[in-house]
């Protein structure tokens, strides 16, 4: 993307992030009070993630687990995690814990749309077993993405998610970007193992590729 277009898009995206912060302010305030009631540690949880070009940054999330949940080694998180309290599980299931990432977008570390950011510990493991896994680092990680709106979230197959992420990296356009934002409101989970070669997904991928073909 040319530098001028990139700067214009950055201004647009930061403006959208501020708008979403304003719209979601009541939910943000409620989430803060829920975390305070839980008394599991600090309100905001910081964790290292890979950004664009594998630059490490601190991702912001509302805390859902006890601060000593990972004393020995990194542990793969689950939607219903035994290390979370009832309130923590509620925040995770409703994805309210992700809202602070809007400030990562405002800082320019993340995008609203893109591959979900991964922890360096797991990313280094995935790249050795998943073909083209590293392509995700060509763009900024996102709060939502093409994999997520197709139901691949949480404990879904990482290899499948990587296929969808790479599709977005190869075909990202402004129209696909806004399509994903809109679809995020209606995204539903699909069964694990629902691979991209399924006919239903071939149709979805073709439809998503049309804007790129028309406007590239």
N, C-alpha and C. Protein backbone atom coordinates (compact mmCIF):
# COMPACT_ATOMS: atom_id res chain seq x y z
N UNK A 1 0.85 -1.19 0.00
CA UNK A 1 0.00 0.00 0.00
C UNK A 1 0.89 1.24 0.00
N UNK A 2 0.68 2.20 -0.97
CA UNK A 2 1.47 3.42 -1.01
C UNK A 2 1.39 4.17 0.32
N UNK A 3 2.47 4.93 0.63
CA UNK A 3 2.57 5.59 1.93
C UNK A 3 1.40 6.54 2.19
N UNK A 4 0.99 7.32 1.17
CA UNK A 4 -0.10 8.28 1.36
C UNK A 4 -1.39 7.55 1.70
N UNK A 5 -1.72 6.48 0.94
CA UNK A 5 -2.93 5.70 1.21
C UNK A 5 -2.85 5.06 2.59
N UNK A 6 -1.65 4.61 2.95
CA UNK A 6 -1.46 3.98 4.26
C UNK A 6 -1.73 4.97 5.38
N UNK A 7 -1.25 6.22 5.22
CA UNK A 7 -1.48 7.25 6.24
C UNK A 7 -2.95 7.63 6.33
N UNK A 8 -3.61 7.73 5.18
CA UNK A 8 -5.04 8.06 5.16
C UNK A 8 -5.84 6.96 5.85
N UNK A 9 -5.48 5.70 5.55
CA UNK A 9 -6.17 4.57 6.16
C UNK A 9 -5.94 4.55 7.67
N UNK A 10 -4.71 4.88 8.10
CA UNK A 10 -4.39 4.90 9.53
C UNK A 10 -5.25 5.93 10.26
N UNK A 11 -5.41 7.12 9.66
CA UNK A 11 -6.25 8.16 10.25
C UNK A 11 -7.69 7.69 10.34
N UNK A 12 -8.17 7.04 9.26
CA UNK A 12 -9.54 6.51 9.23
C UNK A 12 -9.73 5.47 10.33
N UNK A 13 -8.78 4.57 10.46
CA UNK A 13 -8.92 3.49 11.42
C UNK A 13 -8.86 3.99 12.86
N UNK A 14 -7.96 4.91 13.13
CA UNK A 14 -7.87 5.48 14.48
C UNK A 14 -9.16 6.23 14.82
N UNK A 15 -9.72 6.93 13.82
CA UNK A 15 -11.00 7.63 14.04
C UNK A 15 -12.11 6.63 14.37
N UNK A 16 -12.14 5.51 13.64
CA UNK A 16 -13.12 4.47 13.91
C UNK A 16 -12.93 3.89 15.31
N UNK A 17 -11.67 3.68 15.70
CA UNK A 17 -11.39 3.13 17.03
C UNK A 17 -11.89 4.07 18.13
N UNK A 18 -11.65 5.38 17.97
CA UNK A 18 -12.17 6.35 18.94
C UNK A 18 -13.69 6.32 18.99
N UNK A 19 -14.31 6.17 17.81
CA UNK A 19 -15.77 6.10 17.76
C UNK A 19 -16.28 4.87 18.49
N UNK A 20 -15.61 3.72 18.29
CA UNK A 20 -16.02 2.49 18.96
C UNK A 20 -15.81 2.58 20.48
N UNK A 21 -14.75 3.28 20.90
CA UNK A 21 -14.52 3.48 22.34
C UNK A 21 -15.69 4.28 22.93
N UNK A 22 -16.08 5.34 22.22
CA UNK A 22 -17.19 6.19 22.69
C UNK A 22 -18.49 5.39 22.77
N UNK A 23 -18.78 4.62 21.69
CA UNK A 23 -20.02 3.84 21.64
C UNK A 23 -20.04 2.77 22.74
N UNK A 24 -18.89 2.15 22.97
CA UNK A 24 -18.83 1.02 23.92
C UNK A 24 -18.47 1.46 25.34
N UNK A 25 -18.42 2.78 25.58
CA UNK A 25 -18.03 3.29 26.90
C UNK A 25 -18.84 2.68 28.05
N UNK A 26 -20.17 2.59 27.94
CA UNK A 26 -20.93 1.95 29.03
C UNK A 26 -20.48 0.51 29.31
N UNK A 27 -20.22 -0.26 28.25
CA UNK A 27 -19.75 -1.64 28.42
C UNK A 27 -18.35 -1.68 29.03
N UNK A 28 -17.52 -0.72 28.65
CA UNK A 28 -16.17 -0.64 29.22
C UNK A 28 -16.24 -0.37 30.72
N UNK A 29 -17.12 0.56 31.12
CA UNK A 29 -17.27 0.91 32.53
C UNK A 29 -17.80 -0.29 33.32
N UNK A 30 -18.81 -0.98 32.75
CA UNK A 30 -19.35 -2.17 33.41
C UNK A 30 -18.28 -3.24 33.57
N UNK A 31 -17.47 -3.43 32.52
CA UNK A 31 -16.40 -4.43 32.57
C UNK A 31 -15.38 -4.10 33.66
N UNK A 32 -15.05 -2.82 33.79
CA UNK A 32 -14.11 -2.40 34.84
C UNK A 32 -14.65 -2.76 36.22
N UNK A 33 -15.93 -2.48 36.45
CA UNK A 33 -16.53 -2.81 37.75
C UNK A 33 -16.57 -4.32 37.99
N UNK A 34 -16.82 -5.09 36.95
CA UNK A 34 -16.85 -6.55 37.08
C UNK A 34 -15.47 -7.09 37.47
N UNK A 35 -14.43 -6.54 36.84
CA UNK A 35 -13.07 -6.98 37.17
C UNK A 35 -12.71 -6.58 38.59
N UNK A 36 -13.14 -5.38 39.02
CA UNK A 36 -12.88 -4.94 40.39
C UNK A 36 -13.58 -5.85 41.40
N UNK A 37 -14.79 -6.27 41.08
CA UNK A 37 -15.53 -7.18 41.95
C UNK A 37 -14.83 -8.54 42.06
N UNK A 38 -14.18 -8.92 40.99
CA UNK A 38 -13.52 -10.23 40.94
C UNK A 38 -12.27 -10.29 41.82
N UNK A 39 -11.60 -9.14 41.97
CA UNK A 39 -10.40 -9.04 42.82
C UNK A 39 -9.35 -10.08 42.45
N UNK A 40 -9.07 -10.19 41.15
CA UNK A 40 -8.07 -11.16 40.69
C UNK A 40 -6.72 -10.51 40.37
N UNK A 41 -6.61 -9.21 40.56
CA UNK A 41 -5.38 -8.51 40.23
C UNK A 41 -5.69 -7.18 39.59
N UNK A 42 -4.76 -6.67 38.80
CA UNK A 42 -4.97 -5.39 38.12
C UNK A 42 -6.10 -5.50 37.11
N UNK A 43 -6.72 -4.36 36.80
CA UNK A 43 -7.86 -4.35 35.87
C UNK A 43 -7.42 -4.74 34.46
N UNK A 44 -6.33 -4.16 34.00
CA UNK A 44 -5.82 -4.42 32.66
C UNK A 44 -4.70 -5.44 32.71
N UNK A 45 -4.79 -6.42 31.84
CA UNK A 45 -3.79 -7.47 31.72
C UNK A 45 -2.93 -7.19 30.50
N UNK A 46 -1.62 -7.16 30.66
CA UNK A 46 -0.70 -6.91 29.55
C UNK A 46 0.01 -8.21 29.18
N UNK A 47 0.14 -8.45 27.88
CA UNK A 47 0.80 -9.68 27.45
C UNK A 47 1.53 -9.43 26.13
N UNK A 48 2.71 -10.03 25.97
CA UNK A 48 3.47 -9.87 24.73
C UNK A 48 2.78 -10.57 23.57
N UNK A 49 2.70 -9.88 22.43
CA UNK A 49 2.17 -10.47 21.21
C UNK A 49 3.05 -10.03 20.04
N UNK A 50 3.04 -10.82 18.98
CA UNK A 50 3.72 -10.44 17.76
C UNK A 50 2.82 -9.50 16.96
N UNK A 51 3.39 -8.36 16.52
CA UNK A 51 2.69 -7.45 15.65
C UNK A 51 3.19 -7.58 14.23
N UNK A 52 3.00 -6.54 13.44
CA UNK A 52 3.49 -6.55 12.06
C UNK A 52 5.01 -6.69 12.05
N UNK A 53 5.51 -7.50 11.13
CA UNK A 53 6.94 -7.77 11.01
C UNK A 53 7.52 -8.38 12.30
N UNK A 54 6.66 -9.05 13.06
CA UNK A 54 7.04 -9.75 14.29
C UNK A 54 7.58 -8.82 15.38
N UNK A 55 7.17 -7.56 15.29
CA UNK A 55 7.54 -6.62 16.34
C UNK A 55 6.68 -6.92 17.58
N UNK A 56 7.34 -7.10 18.72
CA UNK A 56 6.62 -7.44 19.94
C UNK A 56 6.02 -6.19 20.58
N UNK A 57 4.76 -6.29 20.97
CA UNK A 57 4.09 -5.20 21.66
C UNK A 57 3.27 -5.78 22.81
N UNK A 58 2.75 -4.91 23.66
CA UNK A 58 1.93 -5.34 24.79
C UNK A 58 0.45 -5.20 24.41
N UNK A 59 -0.26 -6.33 24.40
CA UNK A 59 -1.69 -6.29 24.11
C UNK A 59 -2.45 -5.98 25.40
N UNK A 60 -3.55 -5.22 25.28
CA UNK A 60 -4.37 -4.86 26.43
C UNK A 60 -5.62 -5.75 26.47
N UNK A 61 -5.91 -6.29 27.63
CA UNK A 61 -7.14 -7.07 27.83
C UNK A 61 -7.62 -6.83 29.25
N UNK A 62 -8.93 -6.96 29.46
CA UNK A 62 -9.41 -6.96 30.84
C UNK A 62 -8.99 -8.27 31.48
N UNK A 63 -8.52 -8.20 32.70
CA UNK A 63 -8.04 -9.40 33.38
C UNK A 63 -9.20 -10.36 33.66
N UNK A 64 -9.01 -11.61 33.29
CA UNK A 64 -10.02 -12.63 33.54
C UNK A 64 -9.49 -13.78 34.40
N UNK A 65 -8.17 -13.77 34.63
CA UNK A 65 -7.55 -14.84 35.42
C UNK A 65 -6.75 -14.25 36.58
N UNK A 66 -6.45 -15.09 37.54
CA UNK A 66 -5.59 -14.68 38.65
C UNK A 66 -4.21 -14.32 38.11
N UNK A 67 -3.55 -13.36 38.71
CA UNK A 67 -2.26 -12.90 38.20
C UNK A 67 -1.17 -13.97 38.27
N UNK A 68 -1.40 -15.05 39.02
CA UNK A 68 -0.42 -16.13 39.11
C UNK A 68 -0.84 -17.34 38.27
N UNK A 69 -1.70 -17.11 37.27
CA UNK A 69 -2.25 -18.22 36.47
C UNK A 69 -1.18 -18.92 35.63
N UNK A 70 -0.10 -18.20 35.30
CA UNK A 70 0.96 -18.80 34.48
C UNK A 70 2.31 -18.60 35.15
N UNK A 71 2.50 -19.25 36.24
CA UNK A 71 3.75 -19.13 36.99
C UNK A 71 4.90 -19.89 36.32
N UNK A 72 4.60 -21.09 35.80
CA UNK A 72 5.65 -21.97 35.29
C UNK A 72 5.95 -21.77 33.81
N UNK A 73 4.91 -21.73 32.98
CA UNK A 73 5.10 -21.67 31.52
C UNK A 73 3.82 -21.14 30.87
N UNK A 74 3.93 -20.65 29.63
CA UNK A 74 2.72 -20.21 28.93
C UNK A 74 1.76 -21.37 28.72
N UNK A 75 0.48 -21.12 28.92
CA UNK A 75 -0.56 -22.13 28.76
C UNK A 75 -1.59 -21.62 27.76
N UNK A 76 -1.96 -22.49 26.82
CA UNK A 76 -2.95 -22.13 25.81
C UNK A 76 -4.29 -21.85 26.47
N UNK A 77 -4.84 -20.66 26.25
CA UNK A 77 -6.09 -20.28 26.88
C UNK A 77 -7.29 -20.92 26.22
N UNK A 78 -8.35 -21.12 26.99
CA UNK A 78 -9.59 -21.68 26.49
C UNK A 78 -10.73 -20.72 26.78
N UNK A 79 -11.83 -20.87 26.03
CA UNK A 79 -12.98 -19.97 26.23
C UNK A 79 -13.54 -20.13 27.64
N UNK A 80 -13.75 -21.39 28.06
CA UNK A 80 -14.14 -21.67 29.44
C UNK A 80 -12.91 -22.24 30.14
N UNK A 81 -12.11 -21.35 30.69
CA UNK A 81 -10.83 -21.75 31.27
C UNK A 81 -10.97 -21.95 32.78
N UNK A 82 -10.43 -23.06 33.27
CA UNK A 82 -10.53 -23.37 34.70
C UNK A 82 -9.78 -22.37 35.56
N UNK A 83 -8.87 -21.63 34.94
CA UNK A 83 -8.09 -20.63 35.69
C UNK A 83 -8.86 -19.32 35.84
N UNK A 84 -9.99 -19.21 35.15
CA UNK A 84 -10.81 -18.00 35.22
C UNK A 84 -11.90 -18.14 36.27
N UNK A 85 -12.29 -17.01 36.84
CA UNK A 85 -13.44 -16.99 37.75
C UNK A 85 -14.71 -16.99 36.92
N UNK A 86 -15.87 -17.01 37.58
CA UNK A 86 -17.14 -16.95 36.86
C UNK A 86 -17.25 -15.64 36.08
N UNK A 87 -16.83 -14.55 36.72
CA UNK A 87 -16.88 -13.25 36.03
C UNK A 87 -15.88 -13.25 34.87
N UNK A 88 -14.70 -13.83 35.11
CA UNK A 88 -13.69 -13.91 34.06
C UNK A 88 -14.18 -14.70 32.87
N UNK A 89 -14.84 -15.82 33.12
CA UNK A 89 -15.39 -16.63 32.03
C UNK A 89 -16.47 -15.87 31.27
N UNK A 90 -17.27 -15.09 32.01
CA UNK A 90 -18.31 -14.29 31.36
C UNK A 90 -17.67 -13.27 30.42
N UNK A 91 -16.62 -12.61 30.87
CA UNK A 91 -15.93 -11.62 30.03
C UNK A 91 -15.32 -12.28 28.80
N UNK A 92 -14.79 -13.49 28.96
CA UNK A 92 -14.16 -14.19 27.84
C UNK A 92 -15.21 -14.65 26.81
N UNK A 93 -16.30 -15.22 27.30
CA UNK A 93 -17.34 -15.74 26.40
C UNK A 93 -18.00 -14.61 25.61
N UNK A 94 -18.21 -13.47 26.26
CA UNK A 94 -18.84 -12.32 25.60
C UNK A 94 -17.83 -11.46 24.84
N UNK A 95 -16.54 -11.79 24.99
CA UNK A 95 -15.44 -11.06 24.35
C UNK A 95 -15.30 -9.62 24.86
N UNK A 96 -15.92 -9.34 25.99
CA UNK A 96 -15.75 -8.01 26.59
C UNK A 96 -14.31 -7.79 27.02
N UNK A 97 -13.58 -8.87 27.30
CA UNK A 97 -12.19 -8.74 27.73
C UNK A 97 -11.30 -8.18 26.62
N UNK A 98 -11.78 -8.24 25.36
CA UNK A 98 -10.99 -7.78 24.22
C UNK A 98 -11.12 -6.27 23.96
N UNK A 99 -12.11 -5.63 24.57
CA UNK A 99 -12.40 -4.23 24.27
C UNK A 99 -11.20 -3.29 24.43
N UNK A 100 -10.34 -3.48 25.46
CA UNK A 100 -9.20 -2.56 25.60
C UNK A 100 -8.25 -2.56 24.41
N UNK A 101 -8.36 -3.56 23.53
CA UNK A 101 -7.49 -3.59 22.35
C UNK A 101 -7.79 -2.45 21.39
N UNK A 102 -8.92 -1.78 21.58
CA UNK A 102 -9.18 -0.57 20.79
C UNK A 102 -8.07 0.46 21.02
N UNK A 103 -7.48 0.46 22.21
CA UNK A 103 -6.39 1.39 22.50
C UNK A 103 -5.09 0.94 21.84
N UNK A 104 -4.93 -0.37 21.60
CA UNK A 104 -3.81 -0.84 20.79
C UNK A 104 -3.94 -0.35 19.36
N UNK A 105 -5.20 -0.28 18.87
CA UNK A 105 -5.45 0.24 17.52
C UNK A 105 -5.11 1.72 17.48
N UNK A 106 -5.54 2.47 18.50
CA UNK A 106 -5.26 3.91 18.55
C UNK A 106 -3.76 4.18 18.59
N UNK A 107 -3.01 3.29 19.25
CA UNK A 107 -1.55 3.44 19.32
C UNK A 107 -0.86 3.00 18.04
N UNK A 108 -1.61 2.41 17.11
CA UNK A 108 -1.02 1.97 15.84
C UNK A 108 -0.38 0.60 15.90
N UNK A 109 -0.58 -0.14 16.99
CA UNK A 109 0.02 -1.46 17.15
C UNK A 109 -0.83 -2.56 16.53
N UNK A 110 -2.14 -2.31 16.45
CA UNK A 110 -3.08 -3.27 15.90
C UNK A 110 -3.99 -2.60 14.90
N UNK A 111 -4.72 -3.43 14.16
CA UNK A 111 -5.76 -2.95 13.25
C UNK A 111 -7.10 -3.45 13.79
N UNK A 112 -8.18 -2.84 13.36
CA UNK A 112 -9.48 -3.37 13.73
C UNK A 112 -9.69 -4.74 13.08
N UNK A 113 -9.13 -4.92 11.87
CA UNK A 113 -9.27 -6.16 11.12
C UNK A 113 -7.90 -6.72 10.76
N UNK A 114 -7.73 -8.01 10.96
CA UNK A 114 -6.47 -8.66 10.63
C UNK A 114 -6.38 -10.00 11.34
N UNK A 115 -5.32 -10.75 11.11
CA UNK A 115 -5.13 -12.00 11.85
C UNK A 115 -5.02 -11.72 13.35
N UNK A 116 -5.63 -12.56 14.16
CA UNK A 116 -5.55 -12.37 15.60
C UNK A 116 -4.09 -12.51 16.05
N UNK A 117 -3.63 -11.62 16.94
CA UNK A 117 -2.23 -11.66 17.36
C UNK A 117 -1.93 -12.88 18.24
N UNK A 118 -0.74 -13.44 18.06
CA UNK A 118 -0.36 -14.62 18.83
C UNK A 118 0.83 -14.32 19.72
N UNK A 119 0.94 -15.06 20.79
CA UNK A 119 2.07 -14.93 21.70
C UNK A 119 3.31 -15.51 21.03
N UNK A 120 4.47 -14.86 21.19
CA UNK A 120 5.70 -15.34 20.55
C UNK A 120 6.00 -16.81 20.84
N UNK A 121 5.75 -17.26 22.07
CA UNK A 121 6.02 -18.64 22.47
C UNK A 121 5.28 -19.62 21.56
N UNK A 122 3.99 -19.37 21.31
CA UNK A 122 3.19 -20.27 20.49
C UNK A 122 3.43 -20.04 19.00
N UNK A 123 3.64 -18.77 18.60
CA UNK A 123 3.87 -18.46 17.18
C UNK A 123 5.11 -19.18 16.66
N UNK A 124 6.15 -19.24 17.48
CA UNK A 124 7.38 -19.92 17.06
C UNK A 124 7.16 -21.42 16.90
N UNK A 125 6.26 -21.99 17.67
CA UNK A 125 5.93 -23.41 17.54
C UNK A 125 5.08 -23.65 16.29
N UNK A 126 4.11 -22.77 16.05
CA UNK A 126 3.20 -22.94 14.92
C UNK A 126 3.93 -22.83 13.58
N UNK A 127 4.91 -21.93 13.49
CA UNK A 127 5.56 -21.70 12.20
C UNK A 127 6.31 -22.93 11.71
N UNK A 128 6.70 -23.82 12.61
CA UNK A 128 7.45 -25.01 12.22
C UNK A 128 6.55 -26.15 11.74
N UNK A 129 5.25 -26.04 12.01
CA UNK A 129 4.33 -27.13 11.63
C UNK A 129 3.20 -26.69 10.71
N UNK A 130 3.01 -25.38 10.54
CA UNK A 130 1.92 -24.87 9.69
C UNK A 130 2.51 -24.12 8.50
N UNK A 131 2.29 -24.61 7.28
CA UNK A 131 2.85 -23.93 6.09
C UNK A 131 2.40 -22.47 5.99
N UNK A 132 3.34 -21.59 5.67
CA UNK A 132 3.06 -20.17 5.44
C UNK A 132 2.46 -19.46 6.66
N UNK A 133 2.66 -20.00 7.84
CA UNK A 133 2.11 -19.37 9.04
C UNK A 133 2.64 -17.95 9.22
N UNK A 134 3.89 -17.74 8.84
CA UNK A 134 4.55 -16.44 9.06
C UNK A 134 3.99 -15.32 8.19
N UNK A 135 3.20 -15.65 7.18
CA UNK A 135 2.65 -14.61 6.30
C UNK A 135 1.75 -13.65 7.07
N UNK A 136 1.16 -14.11 8.16
CA UNK A 136 0.28 -13.29 8.97
C UNK A 136 1.00 -12.04 9.49
N UNK A 137 2.31 -12.10 9.59
CA UNK A 137 3.07 -10.97 10.14
C UNK A 137 3.37 -9.89 9.09
N UNK A 138 2.82 -10.07 7.89
CA UNK A 138 2.98 -9.05 6.85
C UNK A 138 2.03 -7.88 7.08
N UNK A 139 1.01 -8.08 7.90
CA UNK A 139 0.03 -7.03 8.20
C UNK A 139 -0.11 -6.90 9.72
N UNK A 140 -0.76 -5.83 10.14
CA UNK A 140 -1.01 -5.66 11.57
C UNK A 140 -2.02 -6.70 12.05
N UNK A 141 -1.86 -7.20 13.26
CA UNK A 141 -2.88 -8.10 13.81
C UNK A 141 -4.16 -7.32 14.07
N UNK A 142 -5.28 -8.03 14.12
CA UNK A 142 -6.56 -7.34 14.28
C UNK A 142 -7.36 -7.81 15.48
N UNK A 143 -8.35 -7.00 15.83
CA UNK A 143 -9.30 -7.38 16.89
C UNK A 143 -10.25 -8.45 16.36
N UNK A 144 -10.60 -8.33 15.08
CA UNK A 144 -11.41 -9.35 14.42
C UNK A 144 -10.76 -9.65 13.08
N UNK A 145 -11.20 -10.73 12.43
CA UNK A 145 -10.58 -11.10 11.16
C UNK A 145 -11.45 -12.02 10.33
N UNK A 146 -10.95 -12.38 9.15
CA UNK A 146 -11.69 -13.24 8.24
C UNK A 146 -11.94 -14.61 8.85
N UNK A 147 -10.99 -15.12 9.61
CA UNK A 147 -11.18 -16.41 10.29
C UNK A 147 -12.29 -16.32 11.32
N UNK A 148 -12.31 -15.23 12.08
CA UNK A 148 -13.29 -15.09 13.17
C UNK A 148 -14.72 -14.99 12.64
N UNK A 149 -14.94 -14.23 11.56
CA UNK A 149 -16.30 -14.08 11.05
C UNK A 149 -16.79 -15.36 10.37
N UNK A 150 -15.86 -16.29 10.10
CA UNK A 150 -16.23 -17.60 9.58
C UNK A 150 -16.28 -18.66 10.68
N UNK A 151 -16.36 -18.18 11.93
CA UNK A 151 -16.59 -19.08 13.05
C UNK A 151 -15.36 -19.68 13.68
N UNK A 152 -14.16 -19.35 13.18
CA UNK A 152 -12.93 -19.95 13.71
C UNK A 152 -12.35 -19.05 14.80
N UNK A 153 -12.80 -19.31 16.01
CA UNK A 153 -12.37 -18.52 17.16
C UNK A 153 -12.04 -19.46 18.31
N UNK A 154 -11.40 -18.89 19.34
CA UNK A 154 -11.15 -19.65 20.56
C UNK A 154 -10.31 -20.89 20.34
N UNK A 155 -10.92 -22.05 20.56
CA UNK A 155 -10.19 -23.32 20.49
C UNK A 155 -10.27 -23.98 19.12
N UNK A 156 -10.64 -23.24 18.09
CA UNK A 156 -10.72 -23.80 16.74
C UNK A 156 -9.32 -24.14 16.23
N UNK A 157 -9.27 -24.94 15.17
CA UNK A 157 -8.02 -25.42 14.60
C UNK A 157 -7.14 -24.26 14.11
N UNK A 158 -5.92 -24.17 14.64
CA UNK A 158 -5.01 -23.08 14.28
C UNK A 158 -4.64 -23.15 12.80
N UNK A 159 -4.49 -24.38 12.28
CA UNK A 159 -4.14 -24.54 10.87
C UNK A 159 -5.23 -23.98 9.96
N UNK A 160 -6.48 -24.24 10.31
CA UNK A 160 -7.60 -23.70 9.54
C UNK A 160 -7.62 -22.18 9.63
N UNK A 161 -7.44 -21.66 10.84
CA UNK A 161 -7.43 -20.20 11.01
C UNK A 161 -6.34 -19.57 10.16
N UNK A 162 -5.19 -20.23 10.09
CA UNK A 162 -4.07 -19.71 9.32
C UNK A 162 -4.41 -19.60 7.84
N UNK A 163 -5.18 -20.56 7.31
CA UNK A 163 -5.60 -20.51 5.92
C UNK A 163 -6.46 -19.27 5.65
N UNK A 164 -7.39 -19.01 6.56
CA UNK A 164 -8.26 -17.84 6.43
C UNK A 164 -7.46 -16.54 6.59
N UNK A 165 -6.53 -16.54 7.54
CA UNK A 165 -5.69 -15.35 7.76
C UNK A 165 -4.86 -15.04 6.52
N UNK A 166 -4.29 -16.09 5.91
CA UNK A 166 -3.47 -15.89 4.71
C UNK A 166 -4.32 -15.42 3.54
N UNK A 167 -5.57 -15.87 3.49
CA UNK A 167 -6.48 -15.38 2.45
C UNK A 167 -6.65 -13.86 2.61
N UNK A 168 -6.85 -13.41 3.83
CA UNK A 168 -7.03 -11.97 4.07
C UNK A 168 -5.76 -11.20 3.69
N UNK A 169 -4.61 -11.72 4.08
CA UNK A 169 -3.34 -11.05 3.76
C UNK A 169 -3.19 -10.88 2.25
N UNK A 170 -3.58 -11.90 1.49
CA UNK A 170 -3.42 -11.87 0.03
C UNK A 170 -4.49 -11.03 -0.66
N UNK A 171 -5.63 -10.86 -0.04
CA UNK A 171 -6.77 -10.23 -0.73
C UNK A 171 -7.36 -9.03 0.02
N UNK A 172 -6.63 -8.50 0.97
CA UNK A 172 -7.19 -7.40 1.77
C UNK A 172 -7.49 -6.19 0.89
N UNK A 173 -8.63 -5.63 1.11
CA UNK A 173 -9.07 -4.42 0.41
C UNK A 173 -9.97 -3.67 1.38
N UNK A 174 -10.26 -2.42 1.06
CA UNK A 174 -11.11 -1.61 1.93
C UNK A 174 -12.51 -2.21 2.03
N UNK A 175 -13.01 -2.75 0.92
CA UNK A 175 -14.35 -3.34 0.92
C UNK A 175 -14.38 -4.59 1.78
N UNK A 176 -13.36 -5.46 1.65
CA UNK A 176 -13.30 -6.67 2.47
C UNK A 176 -13.13 -6.30 3.94
N UNK A 177 -12.36 -5.25 4.20
CA UNK A 177 -12.14 -4.75 5.57
C UNK A 177 -13.47 -4.39 6.23
N UNK A 178 -14.28 -3.59 5.54
CA UNK A 178 -15.56 -3.17 6.12
C UNK A 178 -16.57 -4.33 6.14
N UNK A 179 -16.46 -5.23 5.18
CA UNK A 179 -17.33 -6.41 5.20
C UNK A 179 -17.09 -7.23 6.46
N UNK A 180 -15.82 -7.40 6.83
CA UNK A 180 -15.48 -8.17 8.03
C UNK A 180 -15.98 -7.46 9.28
N UNK A 181 -15.84 -6.14 9.33
CA UNK A 181 -16.35 -5.38 10.48
C UNK A 181 -17.86 -5.60 10.65
N UNK A 182 -18.59 -5.57 9.54
CA UNK A 182 -20.05 -5.76 9.60
C UNK A 182 -20.39 -7.20 9.98
N UNK A 183 -19.69 -8.16 9.37
CA UNK A 183 -19.96 -9.57 9.65
C UNK A 183 -19.62 -9.95 11.09
N UNK A 184 -18.71 -9.20 11.71
CA UNK A 184 -18.33 -9.48 13.09
C UNK A 184 -19.55 -9.42 14.02
N UNK A 185 -20.49 -8.54 13.69
CA UNK A 185 -21.70 -8.40 14.51
C UNK A 185 -22.58 -9.64 14.45
N UNK A 186 -22.43 -10.43 13.39
CA UNK A 186 -23.31 -11.58 13.19
C UNK A 186 -22.55 -12.90 13.18
N UNK A 187 -21.26 -12.87 13.53
CA UNK A 187 -20.44 -14.08 13.46
C UNK A 187 -20.91 -15.13 14.44
N UNK A 188 -20.97 -16.39 13.97
CA UNK A 188 -21.34 -17.52 14.81
C UNK A 188 -20.26 -18.59 14.71
N UNK A 189 -20.06 -19.35 15.79
CA UNK A 189 -19.05 -20.41 15.75
C UNK A 189 -19.47 -21.55 14.82
N UNK A 190 -18.47 -22.23 14.22
CA UNK A 190 -18.74 -23.42 13.43
C UNK A 190 -18.02 -24.59 14.06
N UNK A 191 -18.37 -25.78 13.65
CA UNK A 191 -17.77 -26.96 14.24
C UNK A 191 -16.28 -27.01 13.95
N UNK A 192 -15.49 -27.50 14.91
CA UNK A 192 -14.06 -27.68 14.69
C UNK A 192 -13.87 -28.67 13.55
N UNK A 193 -12.84 -28.41 12.75
CA UNK A 193 -12.55 -29.31 11.65
C UNK A 193 -13.33 -28.99 10.40
N UNK A 194 -14.07 -27.87 10.41
CA UNK A 194 -14.83 -27.45 9.24
C UNK A 194 -13.85 -26.77 8.28
N UNK A 195 -13.22 -27.52 7.44
CA UNK A 195 -12.06 -27.04 6.67
C UNK A 195 -12.46 -26.07 5.57
N UNK A 196 -11.46 -25.30 5.10
CA UNK A 196 -11.73 -24.30 4.08
C UNK A 196 -12.08 -24.92 2.73
N UNK A 197 -11.69 -26.18 2.49
CA UNK A 197 -12.00 -26.76 1.19
C UNK A 197 -13.47 -27.20 1.10
N UNK A 198 -14.23 -27.05 2.17
CA UNK A 198 -15.66 -27.36 2.13
C UNK A 198 -16.32 -26.46 1.09
N UNK A 199 -17.23 -26.98 0.25
CA UNK A 199 -17.85 -26.18 -0.82
C UNK A 199 -18.45 -24.87 -0.34
N UNK A 200 -19.06 -24.89 0.86
CA UNK A 200 -19.66 -23.68 1.39
C UNK A 200 -18.61 -22.59 1.55
N UNK A 201 -17.42 -22.99 1.97
CA UNK A 201 -16.37 -22.00 2.20
C UNK A 201 -15.71 -21.57 0.90
N UNK A 202 -15.69 -22.45 -0.08
CA UNK A 202 -15.16 -22.04 -1.38
C UNK A 202 -16.01 -20.90 -1.94
N UNK A 203 -17.33 -21.00 -1.78
CA UNK A 203 -18.23 -19.95 -2.26
C UNK A 203 -17.99 -18.65 -1.51
N UNK A 204 -17.84 -18.74 -0.18
CA UNK A 204 -17.60 -17.55 0.63
C UNK A 204 -16.30 -16.87 0.22
N UNK A 205 -15.26 -17.67 0.02
CA UNK A 205 -13.96 -17.11 -0.34
C UNK A 205 -14.03 -16.44 -1.72
N UNK A 206 -14.77 -17.05 -2.66
CA UNK A 206 -14.89 -16.46 -3.98
C UNK A 206 -15.60 -15.11 -3.92
N UNK A 207 -16.69 -15.04 -3.15
CA UNK A 207 -17.44 -13.79 -3.01
C UNK A 207 -16.58 -12.71 -2.37
N UNK A 208 -15.77 -13.11 -1.38
CA UNK A 208 -14.91 -12.14 -0.71
C UNK A 208 -13.82 -11.62 -1.63
N UNK A 209 -13.44 -12.45 -2.61
CA UNK A 209 -12.33 -12.08 -3.49
C UNK A 209 -12.77 -11.12 -4.60
N UNK A 210 -14.08 -11.05 -4.88
CA UNK A 210 -14.58 -10.19 -5.96
C UNK A 210 -14.14 -8.74 -5.83
N UNK A 211 -14.28 -8.11 -4.62
CA UNK A 211 -13.84 -6.70 -4.49
C UNK A 211 -12.38 -6.51 -4.86
N UNK A 212 -11.52 -7.45 -4.48
CA UNK A 212 -10.10 -7.34 -4.79
C UNK A 212 -9.87 -7.42 -6.29
N UNK A 213 -10.63 -8.29 -6.97
CA UNK A 213 -10.49 -8.43 -8.41
C UNK A 213 -10.96 -7.16 -9.15
N UNK A 214 -12.02 -6.55 -8.63
CA UNK A 214 -12.59 -5.37 -9.29
C UNK A 214 -11.79 -4.10 -9.05
N UNK A 215 -11.22 -3.96 -7.85
CA UNK A 215 -10.62 -2.68 -7.47
C UNK A 215 -9.11 -2.73 -7.32
N UNK A 216 -8.47 -3.86 -7.64
CA UNK A 216 -7.01 -3.95 -7.51
C UNK A 216 -6.35 -3.21 -8.67
